[in-house]
Amino acid sequence: MSPKRLATAREAAETVAIQALGHIAADPQQLGRFLAETGLGPETLRAAAGDPKFLGAVLNFVLNDPALLENFAAGAELTPAAVAAAHEVLSGTNWERDIP
């Protein structure tokens, strides 16, 4: 993958993750569960949102809850597969087909 395509894919994946974080934050129950699982406090979320690894963890959280995944994907007009693809980009998973 060319550096420009990689940057574009990463930017798109980060956008999906930030949307997911907003979706989680809008639901007090989901936000409480997310904060409990990550060990973060509400005051540290904004700073953490700049870290691609954290954004990957946000998408991992969404992917591990089928109801949350469906709800987020529908609200963001994405498919669950698109959310999973964004997670792959942010988690740094290299597939054999991506290696030159």
C-alpha atoms as a PDB file:
ATOM      1  CA  MET A   1       0.000   0.000   0.000  1.00  0.00           C
ATOM      2  CA  SER A   2       1.416   3.394  -0.942  1.00  0.00           C
ATOM      3  CA  PRO A   3       2.190   5.894   1.838  1.00  0.00           C
ATOM      4  CA  LYS A   4      -0.575   8.204   0.570  1.00  0.00           C
ATOM      5  CA  ARG A   5      -3.170   5.403   0.557  1.00  0.00           C
ATOM      6  CA  LEU A   6      -1.990   4.312   3.993  1.00  0.00           C
ATOM      7  CA  ALA A   7      -2.411   7.856   5.348  1.00  0.00           C
ATOM      8  CA  THR A   8      -5.870   8.100   3.808  1.00  0.00           C
ATOM      9  CA  ALA A   9      -6.884   4.717   5.241  1.00  0.00           C
ATOM     10  CA  ARG A  10      -5.546   5.671   8.684  1.00  0.00           C
ATOM     11  CA  GLU A  11      -7.365   9.023   8.614  1.00  0.00           C
ATOM     12  CA  ALA A  12     -10.623   7.304   7.618  1.00  0.00           C
ATOM     13  CA  ALA A  13     -10.163   4.679  10.338  1.00  0.00           C
ATOM     14  CA  GLU A  14      -9.466   7.362  12.932  1.00  0.00           C
ATOM     15  CA  THR A  15     -12.636   9.173  11.866  1.00  0.00           C
ATOM     16  CA  VAL A  16     -14.672   5.987  12.344  1.00  0.00           C
ATOM     17  CA  ALA A  17     -13.107   5.445  15.783  1.00  0.00           C
ATOM     18  CA  ILE A  18     -13.803   9.016  16.878  1.00  0.00           C
ATOM     19  CA  GLN A  19     -17.414   8.603  15.738  1.00  0.00           C
ATOM     20  CA  ALA A  20     -17.580   5.386  17.757  1.00  0.00           C
ATOM     21  CA  LEU A  21     -16.183   7.136  20.807  1.00  0.00           C
ATOM     22  CA  GLY A  22     -18.839   9.824  20.450  1.00  0.00           C
ATOM     23  CA  HIS A  23     -21.494   7.135  20.162  1.00  0.00           C
ATOM     24  CA  ILE A  24     -20.237   5.451  23.325  1.00  0.00           C
ATOM     25  CA  ALA A  25     -20.021   8.767  25.184  1.00  0.00           C
ATOM     26  CA  ALA A  26     -23.634   9.577  24.300  1.00  0.00           C
ATOM     27  CA  ASP A  27     -24.862   6.549  26.260  1.00  0.00           C
ATOM     28  CA  PRO A  28     -24.074   6.820  29.994  1.00  0.00           C
ATOM     29  CA  GLN A  29     -24.317   3.049  30.486  1.00  0.00           C
ATOM     30  CA  GLN A  30     -21.934   2.277  27.605  1.00  0.00           C
ATOM     31  CA  LEU A  31     -19.596   5.067  28.670  1.00  0.00           C
ATOM     32  CA  GLY A  32     -19.457   3.713  32.209  1.00  0.00           C
ATOM     33  CA  ARG A  33     -18.688   0.223  30.938  1.00  0.00           C
ATOM     34  CA  PHE A  34     -16.040   1.576  28.552  1.00  0.00           C
ATOM     35  CA  LEU A  35     -14.338   3.618  31.276  1.00  0.00           C
ATOM     36  CA  ALA A  36     -14.406   0.643  33.641  1.00  0.00           C
ATOM     37  CA  GLU A  37     -12.829  -1.630  31.023  1.00  0.00           C
ATOM     38  CA  THR A  38     -10.144   0.848  29.975  1.00  0.00           C
ATOM     39  CA  GLY A  39      -9.381   2.248  33.412  1.00  0.00           C
ATOM     40  CA  LEU A  40      -9.595   5.785  32.042  1.00  0.00           C
ATOM     41  CA  GLY A  41     -11.452   8.644  33.612  1.00  0.00           C
ATOM     42  CA  PRO A  42     -13.746  11.031  31.758  1.00  0.00           C
ATOM     43  CA  GLU A  43     -11.106  13.750  32.032  1.00  0.00           C
ATOM     44  CA  THR A  44      -8.510  11.664  30.174  1.00  0.00           C
ATOM     45  CA  LEU A  45     -10.651  10.638  27.208  1.00  0.00           C
ATOM     46  CA  ARG A  46      -9.895  13.735  25.134  1.00  0.00           C
ATOM     47  CA  ALA A  47      -6.133  13.276  25.449  1.00  0.00           C
ATOM     48  CA  ALA A  48      -6.363   9.550  24.762  1.00  0.00           C
ATOM     49  CA  ALA A  49      -8.423  10.163  21.616  1.00  0.00           C
ATOM     50  CA  GLY A  50      -5.282  11.416  19.868  1.00  0.00           C
ATOM     51  CA  ASP A  51      -3.587   8.027  20.183  1.00  0.00           C
ATOM     52  CA  PRO A  52      -4.230   5.635  17.265  1.00  0.00           C
ATOM     53  CA  LYS A  53      -3.770   2.624  19.567  1.00  0.00           C
ATOM     54  CA  PHE A  54      -6.468   3.983  21.873  1.00  0.00           C
ATOM     55  CA  LEU A  55      -8.738   4.526  18.880  1.00  0.00           C
ATOM     56  CA  GLY A  56      -8.127   0.902  17.907  1.00  0.00           C
ATOM     57  CA  ALA A  57      -9.167  -0.087  21.427  1.00  0.00           C
ATOM     58  CA  VAL A  58     -12.372   1.942  21.024  1.00  0.00           C
ATOM     59  CA  LEU A  59     -13.240  -0.033  17.911  1.00  0.00           C
ATOM     60  CA  ASN A  60     -12.284  -3.277  19.627  1.00  0.00           C
ATOM     61  CA  PHE A  61     -14.769  -2.407  22.394  1.00  0.00           C
ATOM     62  CA  VAL A  62     -17.480  -1.799  19.796  1.00  0.00           C
ATOM     63  CA  LEU A  63     -16.670  -4.981  17.875  1.00  0.00           C
ATOM     64  CA  ASN A  64     -16.901  -7.088  21.028  1.00  0.00           C
ATOM     65  CA  ASP A  65     -20.515  -6.067  21.678  1.00  0.00           C
ATOM     66  CA  PRO A  66     -22.762  -7.162  18.776  1.00  0.00           C
ATOM     67  CA  ALA A  67     -25.666  -4.917  19.807  1.00  0.00           C
ATOM     68  CA  LEU A  68     -23.383  -1.897  20.182  1.00  0.00           C
ATOM     69  CA  LEU A  69     -21.749  -2.679  16.838  1.00  0.00           C
ATOM     70  CA  GLU A  70     -25.078  -2.876  15.029  1.00  0.00           C
ATOM     71  CA  ASN A  71     -26.372   0.282  16.704  1.00  0.00           C
ATOM     72  CA  PHE A  72     -23.202   2.279  15.998  1.00  0.00           C
ATOM     73  CA  ALA A  73     -22.852   1.036  12.421  1.00  0.00           C
ATOM     74  CA  ALA A  74     -26.470   1.872  11.617  1.00  0.00           C
ATOM     75  CA  GLY A  75     -26.200   5.333  13.168  1.00  0.00           C
ATOM     76  CA  ALA A  76     -22.941   6.081  11.351  1.00  0.00           C
ATOM     77  CA  GLU A  77     -24.286   4.628   8.084  1.00  0.00           C
ATOM     78  CA  LEU A  78     -21.492   2.045   8.008  1.00  0.00           C
ATOM     79  CA  THR A  79     -21.459  -1.701   7.731  1.00  0.00           C
ATOM     80  CA  PRO A  80     -20.072  -3.773  10.596  1.00  0.00           C
ATOM     81  CA  ALA A  81     -17.401  -4.916   8.115  1.00  0.00           C
ATOM     82  CA  ALA A  82     -16.314  -1.282   7.624  1.00  0.00           C
ATOM     83  CA  VAL A  83     -15.948  -0.899  11.396  1.00  0.00           C
ATOM     84  CA  ALA A  84     -13.865  -4.086  11.485  1.00  0.00           C
ATOM     85  CA  ALA A  85     -11.715  -2.816   8.610  1.00  0.00           C
ATOM     86  CA  ALA A  86     -11.080   0.454  10.461  1.00  0.00           C
ATOM     87  CA  HIS A  87     -10.052  -1.567  13.510  1.00  0.00           C
ATOM     88  CA  GLU A  88      -7.579  -3.550  11.404  1.00  0.00           C
ATOM     89  CA  VAL A  89      -5.992  -0.341  10.121  1.00  0.00           C
ATOM     90  CA  LEU A  90      -5.624   1.131  13.609  1.00  0.00           C
ATOM     91  CA  SER A  91      -4.447  -2.070  15.246  1.00  0.00           C
ATOM     92  CA  GLY A  92      -1.622  -2.334  12.757  1.00  0.00           C
ATOM     93  CA  THR A  93      -2.601  -5.802  11.614  1.00  0.00           C
ATOM     94  CA  ASN A  94      -0.550  -6.646   8.550  1.00  0.00           C
ATOM     95  CA  TRP A  95      -2.057  -9.202   6.258  1.00  0.00           C
ATOM     96  CA  GLU A  96       0.099 -11.187   3.909  1.00  0.00           C
ATOM     97  CA  ARG A  97      -1.582  -9.502   0.935  1.00  0.00           C
ATOM     98  CA  ASP A  98      -0.474  -6.078   2.256  1.00  0.00           C
ATOM     99  CA  ILE A  99       3.217  -6.962   2.406  1.00  0.00           C
ATOM    100  CA  PRO A 100       5.070  -6.065  -0.827  1.00  0.00           C
END
